[in-house]
Amino acid sequence: MSEPTVAEATDRIYQSLQNDNVDIDLHIATLKAALAKAGQKQAVFDPSRLVQNNRAGRKLMQAYFRQRGVMVVFAG
């Protein structure tokens, strides 16, 4: 089985966020590995797909991911 791409890992995070953050740490680790493999420094998320699409929710997400070694930016 191949390792997921950045897009696949990002989709899994969206699904986890929709499902009350089930396995979110596992998906963040997968995203971190996919970013490293792709040579990217940050993950780009669509704020319209977030459960908490407000400033506080986005800042909380950025802080949580940053603690796990993934820089998050929002498209748009």
PDB file of N, CA and C in Angstrom:
ATOM      1  N   MET A   1       0.846  -1.181   0.000  1.00  0.00           N
ATOM      2  CA  MET A   1       0.000   0.000   0.000  1.00  0.00           C
ATOM      3  C   MET A   1       0.887   1.238   0.000  1.00  0.00           C
ATOM      4  N   SER A   2       0.605   2.179  -0.851  1.00  0.00           N
ATOM      5  CA  SER A   2       1.426   3.379  -0.956  1.00  0.00           C
ATOM      6  C   SER A   2       1.012   4.400   0.112  1.00  0.00           C
ATOM      7  N   GLU A   3       1.943   5.292   0.393  1.00  0.00           N
ATOM      8  CA  GLU A   3       1.647   6.354   1.351  1.00  0.00           C
ATOM      9  C   GLU A   3       0.730   7.375   0.694  1.00  0.00           C
ATOM     10  N   PRO A   4      -0.164   7.959   1.478  1.00  0.00           N
ATOM     11  CA  PRO A   4      -1.103   8.919   0.892  1.00  0.00           C
ATOM     12  C   PRO A   4      -0.409  10.212   0.448  1.00  0.00           C
ATOM     13  N   THR A   5      -1.002  10.844  -0.546  1.00  0.00           N
ATOM     14  CA  THR A   5      -0.500  12.137  -1.005  1.00  0.00           C
ATOM     15  C   THR A   5      -0.969  13.216  -0.033  1.00  0.00           C
ATOM     16  N   VAL A   6      -0.480  14.422  -0.237  1.00  0.00           N
ATOM     17  CA  VAL A   6      -0.894  15.548   0.599  1.00  0.00           C
ATOM     18  C   VAL A   6      -2.405  15.758   0.478  1.00  0.00           C
ATOM     19  N   ALA A   7      -2.937  15.680  -0.740  1.00  0.00           N
ATOM     20  CA  ALA A   7      -4.378  15.871  -0.949  1.00  0.00           C
ATOM     21  C   ALA A   7      -5.194  14.794  -0.235  1.00  0.00           C
ATOM     22  N   GLU A   8      -4.747  13.547  -0.300  1.00  0.00           N
ATOM     23  CA  GLU A   8      -5.458  12.463   0.377  1.00  0.00           C
ATOM     24  C   GLU A   8      -5.402  12.640   1.889  1.00  0.00           C
ATOM     25  N   ALA A   9      -4.242  13.014   2.408  1.00  0.00           N
ATOM     26  CA  ALA A   9      -4.097  13.229   3.848  1.00  0.00           C
ATOM     27  C   ALA A   9      -4.966  14.398   4.305  1.00  0.00           C
ATOM     28  N   THR A  10      -5.030  15.441   3.489  1.00  0.00           N
ATOM     29  CA  THR A  10      -5.863  16.597   3.820  1.00  0.00           C
ATOM     30  C   THR A  10      -7.334  16.201   3.839  1.00  0.00           C
ATOM     31  N   ASP A  11      -7.762  15.396   2.878  1.00  0.00           N
ATOM     32  CA  ASP A  11      -9.154  14.926   2.854  1.00  0.00           C
ATOM     33  C   ASP A  11      -9.480  14.103   4.097  1.00  0.00           C
ATOM     34  N   ARG A  12      -8.541  13.295   4.549  1.00  0.00           N
ATOM     35  CA  ARG A  12      -8.762  12.505   5.766  1.00  0.00           C
ATOM     36  C   ARG A  12      -8.918  13.414   6.981  1.00  0.00           C
ATOM     37  N   ILE A  13      -8.193  14.512   6.993  1.00  0.00           N
ATOM     38  CA  ILE A  13      -8.326  15.462   8.104  1.00  0.00           C
ATOM     39  C   ILE A  13      -9.690  16.127   8.062  1.00  0.00           C
ATOM     40  N   TYR A  14     -10.157  16.522   6.878  1.00  0.00           N
ATOM     41  CA  TYR A  14     -11.506  17.082   6.768  1.00  0.00           C
ATOM     42  C   TYR A  14     -12.542  16.090   7.307  1.00  0.00           C
ATOM     43  N   GLN A  15     -12.398  14.811   6.947  1.00  0.00           N
ATOM     44  CA  GLN A  15     -13.331  13.785   7.418  1.00  0.00           C
ATOM     45  C   GLN A  15     -13.265  13.646   8.937  1.00  0.00           C
ATOM     46  N   SER A  16     -12.049  13.673   9.473  1.00  0.00           N
ATOM     47  CA  SER A  16     -11.882  13.564  10.920  1.00  0.00           C
ATOM     48  C   SER A  16     -12.514  14.748  11.641  1.00  0.00           C
ATOM     49  N   LEU A  17     -12.341  15.939  11.089  1.00  0.00           N
ATOM     50  CA  LEU A  17     -12.943  17.129  11.700  1.00  0.00           C
ATOM     51  C   LEU A  17     -14.467  17.028  11.702  1.00  0.00           C
ATOM     52  N   GLN A  18     -15.035  16.464  10.644  1.00  0.00           N
ATOM     53  CA  GLN A  18     -16.480  16.278  10.562  1.00  0.00           C
ATOM     54  C   GLN A  18     -16.967  15.231  11.562  1.00  0.00           C
ATOM     55  N   ASN A  19     -16.076  14.297  11.929  1.00  0.00           N
ATOM     56  CA  ASN A  19     -16.431  13.187  12.827  1.00  0.00           C
ATOM     57  C   ASN A  19     -15.894  13.406  14.233  1.00  0.00           C
ATOM     58  N   ASP A  20     -15.972  14.638  14.714  1.00  0.00           N
ATOM     59  CA  ASP A  20     -15.577  14.978  16.083  1.00  0.00           C
ATOM     60  C   ASP A  20     -14.115  14.643  16.372  1.00  0.00           C
ATOM     61  N   ASN A  21     -13.249  14.896  15.403  1.00  0.00           N
ATOM     62  CA  ASN A  21     -11.790  14.760  15.530  1.00  0.00           C
ATOM     63  C   ASN A  21     -11.303  13.332  15.791  1.00  0.00           C
ATOM     64  N   VAL A  22     -12.031  12.350  15.310  1.00  0.00           N
ATOM     65  CA  VAL A  22     -11.624  10.953  15.473  1.00  0.00           C
ATOM     66  C   VAL A  22     -10.293  10.732  14.755  1.00  0.00           C
ATOM     67  N   ASP A  23      -9.303  10.199  15.458  1.00  0.00           N
ATOM     68  CA  ASP A  23      -7.975   9.877  14.928  1.00  0.00           C
ATOM     69  C   ASP A  23      -7.262  11.095  14.320  1.00  0.00           C
ATOM     70  N   ILE A  24      -7.535  12.285  14.796  1.00  0.00           N
ATOM     71  CA  ILE A  24      -6.950  13.492  14.204  1.00  0.00           C
ATOM     72  C   ILE A  24      -5.423  13.478  14.313  1.00  0.00           C
ATOM     73  N   ASP A  25      -4.880  13.015  15.442  1.00  0.00           N
ATOM     74  CA  ASP A  25      -3.424  13.003  15.599  1.00  0.00           C
ATOM     75  C   ASP A  25      -2.760  12.066  14.594  1.00  0.00           C
ATOM     76  N   LEU A  26      -3.379  10.939  14.330  1.00  0.00           N
ATOM     77  CA  LEU A  26      -2.872  10.002  13.325  1.00  0.00           C
ATOM     78  C   LEU A  26      -2.875  10.648  11.945  1.00  0.00           C
ATOM     79  N   HIS A  27      -3.952  11.346  11.618  1.00  0.00           N
ATOM     80  CA  HIS A  27      -4.059  11.986  10.306  1.00  0.00           C
ATOM     81  C   HIS A  27      -3.083  13.161  10.171  1.00  0.00           C
ATOM     82  N   ILE A  28      -2.829  13.863  11.273  1.00  0.00           N
ATOM     83  CA  ILE A  28      -1.841  14.951  11.236  1.00  0.00           C
ATOM     84  C   ILE A  28      -0.454  14.373  10.972  1.00  0.00           C
ATOM     85  N   ALA A  29      -0.120  13.269  11.617  1.00  0.00           N
ATOM     86  CA  ALA A  29       1.182  12.626  11.398  1.00  0.00           C
ATOM     87  C   ALA A  29       1.313  12.166   9.946  1.00  0.00           C
ATOM     88  N   THR A  30       0.239  11.626   9.390  1.00  0.00           N
ATOM     89  CA  THR A  30       0.245  11.199   7.989  1.00  0.00           C
ATOM     90  C   THR A  30       0.446  12.399   7.072  1.00  0.00           C
ATOM     91  N   LEU A  31      -0.245  13.501   7.372  1.00  0.00           N
ATOM     92  CA  LEU A  31      -0.094  14.722   6.581  1.00  0.00           C
ATOM     93  C   LEU A  31       1.331  15.254   6.673  1.00  0.00           C
ATOM     94  N   LYS A  32       1.906  15.221   7.858  1.00  0.00           N
ATOM     95  CA  LYS A  32       3.282  15.695   8.050  1.00  0.00           C
ATOM     96  C   LYS A  32       4.248  14.890   7.183  1.00  0.00           C
ATOM     97  N   ALA A  33       4.080  13.564   7.167  1.00  0.00           N
ATOM     98  CA  ALA A  33       4.940  12.706   6.342  1.00  0.00           C
ATOM     99  C   ALA A  33       4.729  12.983   4.856  1.00  0.00           C
ATOM    100  N   ALA A  34       3.485  13.179   4.442  1.00  0.00           N
ATOM    101  CA  ALA A  34       3.189  13.458   3.031  1.00  0.00           C
ATOM    102  C   ALA A  34       3.778  14.800   2.609  1.00  0.00           C
ATOM    103  N   LEU A  35       3.703  15.799   3.487  1.00  0.00           N
ATOM    104  CA  LEU A  35       4.292  17.106   3.182  1.00  0.00           C
ATOM    105  C   LEU A  35       5.804  16.983   3.010  1.00  0.00           C
ATOM    106  N   ALA A  36       6.444  16.243   3.908  1.00  0.00           N
ATOM    107  CA  ALA A  36       7.900  16.061   3.827  1.00  0.00           C
ATOM    108  C   ALA A  36       8.279  15.360   2.531  1.00  0.00           C
ATOM    109  N   LYS A  37       7.529  14.330   2.180  1.00  0.00           N
ATOM    110  CA  LYS A  37       7.809  13.581   0.947  1.00  0.00           C
ATOM    111  C   LYS A  37       7.638  14.463  -0.286  1.00  0.00           C
ATOM    112  N   ALA A  38       6.649  15.369  -0.245  1.00  0.00           N
ATOM    113  CA  ALA A  38       6.381  16.263  -1.377  1.00  0.00           C
ATOM    114  C   ALA A  38       7.273  17.502  -1.360  1.00  0.00           C
ATOM    115  N   GLY A  39       8.046  17.671  -0.286  1.00  0.00           N
ATOM    116  CA  GLY A  39       8.919  18.835  -0.187  1.00  0.00           C
ATOM    117  C   GLY A  39       8.177  20.127   0.101  1.00  0.00           C
ATOM    118  N   GLN A  40       7.024  20.017   0.714  1.00  0.00           N
ATOM    119  CA  GLN A  40       6.223  21.204   1.045  1.00  0.00           C
ATOM    120  C   GLN A  40       6.396  21.563   2.507  1.00  0.00           C
ATOM    121  N   LYS A  41       6.266  22.845   2.810  1.00  0.00           N
ATOM    122  CA  LYS A  41       6.473  23.331   4.171  1.00  0.00           C
ATOM    123  C   LYS A  41       5.168  23.549   4.929  1.00  0.00           C
ATOM    124  N   GLN A  42       4.044  23.687   4.221  1.00  0.00           N
ATOM    125  CA  GLN A  42       2.791  23.982   4.907  1.00  0.00           C
ATOM    126  C   GLN A  42       1.615  23.309   4.212  1.00  0.00           C
ATOM    127  N   ALA A  43       0.577  23.073   5.006  1.00  0.00           N
ATOM    128  CA  ALA A  43      -0.650  22.470   4.483  1.00  0.00           C
ATOM    129  C   ALA A  43      -1.672  23.576   4.233  1.00  0.00           C
ATOM    130  N   VAL A  44      -2.371  23.486   3.118  1.00  0.00           N
ATOM    131  CA  VAL A  44      -3.374  24.489   2.753  1.00  0.00           C
ATOM    132  C   VAL A  44      -4.762  23.868   2.924  1.00  0.00           C
ATOM    133  N   PHE A  45      -5.594  24.546   3.705  1.00  0.00           N
ATOM    134  CA  PHE A  45      -6.951  24.073   3.951  1.00  0.00           C
ATOM    135  C   PHE A  45      -7.962  25.092   3.435  1.00  0.00           C
ATOM    136  N   ASP A  46      -9.108  24.589   3.013  1.00  0.00           N
ATOM    137  CA  ASP A  46     -10.225  25.418   2.566  1.00  0.00           C
ATOM    138  C   ASP A  46     -11.093  25.713   3.792  1.00  0.00           C
ATOM    139  N   PRO A  47     -11.145  26.966   4.238  1.00  0.00           N
ATOM    140  CA  PRO A  47     -11.909  27.264   5.450  1.00  0.00           C
ATOM    141  C   PRO A  47     -13.400  26.935   5.346  1.00  0.00           C
ATOM    142  N   SER A  48     -13.952  26.915   4.144  1.00  0.00           N
ATOM    143  CA  SER A  48     -15.373  26.601   4.000  1.00  0.00           C
ATOM    144  C   SER A  48     -15.676  25.137   4.327  1.00  0.00           C
ATOM    145  N   ARG A  49     -14.649  24.288   4.361  1.00  0.00           N
ATOM    146  CA  ARG A  49     -14.853  22.870   4.686  1.00  0.00           C
ATOM    147  C   ARG A  49     -14.637  22.559   6.160  1.00  0.00           C
ATOM    148  N   LEU A  50     -14.330  23.587   6.950  1.00  0.00           N
ATOM    149  CA  LEU A  50     -14.081  23.381   8.376  1.00  0.00           C
ATOM    150  C   LEU A  50     -15.387  23.409   9.158  1.00  0.00           C
ATOM    151  N   VAL A  51     -15.407  22.663  10.255  1.00  0.00           N
ATOM    152  CA  VAL A  51     -16.573  22.647  11.123  1.00  0.00           C
ATOM    153  C   VAL A  51     -16.719  24.002  11.812  1.00  0.00           C
ATOM    154  N   GLN A  52     -15.609  24.541  12.291  1.00  0.00           N
ATOM    155  CA  GLN A  52     -15.602  25.837  12.981  1.00  0.00           C
ATOM    156  C   GLN A  52     -14.916  26.853  12.089  1.00  0.00           C
ATOM    157  N   ASN A  53     -15.640  27.374  11.115  1.00  0.00           N
ATOM    158  CA  ASN A  53     -15.062  28.337  10.188  1.00  0.00           C
ATOM    159  C   ASN A  53     -15.256  29.759  10.715  1.00  0.00           C
ATOM    160  N   ASN A  54     -14.567  30.026  11.819  1.00  0.00           N
ATOM    161  CA  ASN A  54     -14.498  31.386  12.332  1.00  0.00           C
ATOM    162  C   ASN A  54     -13.051  31.621  12.758  1.00  0.00           C
ATOM    163  N   ARG A  55     -12.722  32.836  13.107  1.00  0.00           N
ATOM    164  CA  ARG A  55     -11.334  33.164  13.421  1.00  0.00           C
ATOM    165  C   ARG A  55     -10.800  32.296  14.567  1.00  0.00           C
ATOM    166  N   ALA A  56     -11.587  32.144  15.611  1.00  0.00           N
ATOM    167  CA  ALA A  56     -11.150  31.357  16.761  1.00  0.00           C
ATOM    168  C   ALA A  56     -10.902  29.895  16.371  1.00  0.00           C
ATOM    169  N   GLY A  57     -11.789  29.332  15.566  1.00  0.00           N
ATOM    170  CA  GLY A  57     -11.631  27.948  15.127  1.00  0.00           C
ATOM    171  C   GLY A  57     -10.397  27.756  14.265  1.00  0.00           C
ATOM    172  N   ARG A  58     -10.145  28.698  13.361  1.00  0.00           N
ATOM    173  CA  ARG A  58      -8.966  28.603  12.495  1.00  0.00           C
ATOM    174  C   ARG A  58      -7.684  28.749  13.304  1.00  0.00           C
ATOM    175  N   LYS A  59      -7.648  29.684  14.254  1.00  0.00           N
ATOM    176  CA  LYS A  59      -6.455  29.889  15.082  1.00  0.00           C
ATOM    177  C   LYS A  59      -6.193  28.672  15.966  1.00  0.00           C
ATOM    178  N   LEU A  60      -7.243  28.075  16.501  1.00  0.00           N
ATOM    179  CA  LEU A  60      -7.097  26.871  17.314  1.00  0.00           C
ATOM    180  C   LEU A  60      -6.525  25.732  16.473  1.00  0.00           C
ATOM    181  N   MET A  61      -7.051  25.586  15.264  1.00  0.00           N
ATOM    182  CA  MET A  61      -6.550  24.541  14.367  1.00  0.00           C
ATOM    183  C   MET A  61      -5.077  24.775  14.049  1.00  0.00           C
ATOM    184  N   GLN A  62      -4.706  26.014  13.720  1.00  0.00           N
ATOM    185  CA  GLN A  62      -3.305  26.327  13.417  1.00  0.00           C
ATOM    186  C   GLN A  62      -2.405  25.998  14.605  1.00  0.00           C
ATOM    187  N   ALA A  63      -2.820  26.375  15.800  1.00  0.00           N
ATOM    188  CA  ALA A  63      -2.006  26.123  16.993  1.00  0.00           C
ATOM    189  C   ALA A  63      -1.863  24.630  17.252  1.00  0.00           C
ATOM    190  N   TYR A  64      -2.948  23.890  17.134  1.00  0.00           N
ATOM    191  CA  TYR A  64      -2.924  22.450  17.385  1.00  0.00           C
ATOM    192  C   TYR A  64      -2.005  21.741  16.395  1.00  0.00           C
ATOM    193  N   PHE A  65      -2.126  22.091  15.124  1.00  0.00           N
ATOM    194  CA  PHE A  65      -1.292  21.472  14.099  1.00  0.00           C
ATOM    195  C   PHE A  65       0.168  21.895  14.272  1.00  0.00           C
ATOM    196  N   ARG A  66       0.405  23.161  14.609  1.00  0.00           N
ATOM    197  CA  ARG A  66       1.774  23.647  14.794  1.00  0.00           C
ATOM    198  C   ARG A  66       2.480  22.867  15.912  1.00  0.00           C
ATOM    199  N   GLN A  67       1.751  22.545  16.988  1.00  0.00           N
ATOM    200  CA  GLN A  67       2.322  21.771  18.079  1.00  0.00           C
ATOM    201  C   GLN A  67       2.757  20.380  17.605  1.00  0.00           C
ATOM    202  N   ARG A  68       2.184  19.927  16.525  1.00  0.00           N
ATOM    203  CA  ARG A  68       2.503  18.621  15.968  1.00  0.00           C
ATOM    204  C   ARG A  68       3.392  18.708  14.740  1.00  0.00           C
ATOM    205  N   GLY A  69       3.923  19.898  14.483  1.00  0.00           N
ATOM    206  CA  GLY A  69       4.918  20.078  13.432  1.00  0.00           C
ATOM    207  C   GLY A  69       4.391  20.362  12.049  1.00  0.00           C
ATOM    208  N   VAL A  70       3.128  20.787  11.934  1.00  0.00           N
ATOM    209  CA  VAL A  70       2.546  21.084  10.613  1.00  0.00           C
ATOM    210  C   VAL A  70       2.057  22.526  10.612  1.00  0.00           C
ATOM    211  N   MET A  71       2.578  23.300   9.662  1.00  0.00           N
ATOM    212  CA  MET A  71       2.128  24.680   9.499  1.00  0.00           C
ATOM    213  C   MET A  71       0.874  24.676   8.621  1.00  0.00           C
ATOM    214  N   VAL A  72      -0.148  25.409   9.052  1.00  0.00           N
ATOM    215  CA  VAL A  72      -1.430  25.445   8.357  1.00  0.00           C
ATOM    216  C   VAL A  72      -1.692  26.854   7.837  1.00  0.00           C
ATOM    217  N   VAL A  73      -2.095  26.944   6.577  1.00  0.00           N
ATOM    218  CA  VAL A  73      -2.589  28.193   5.998  1.00  0.00           C
ATOM    219  C   VAL A  73      -3.957  27.901   5.392  1.00  0.00           C
ATOM    220  N   PHE A  74      -4.715  28.966   5.198  1.00  0.00           N
ATOM    221  CA  PHE A  74      -6.059  28.818   4.662  1.00  0.00           C
ATOM    222  C   PHE A  74      -6.165  29.472   3.308  1.00  0.00           C
ATOM    223  N   ALA A  75      -6.760  28.766   2.364  1.00  0.00           N
ATOM    224  CA  ALA A  75      -6.927  29.272   0.998  1.00  0.00           C
ATOM    225  C   ALA A  75      -8.024  30.326   0.975  1.00  0.00           C
ATOM    226  N   GLY A  76      -7.856  31.236   0.052  1.00  0.00           N
ATOM    227  CA  GLY A  76      -8.921  32.173  -0.202  1.00  0.00           C
ATOM    228  C   GLY A  76      -8.822  33.405   0.558  1.00  0.00           C
TER     229      GLY A  76
END
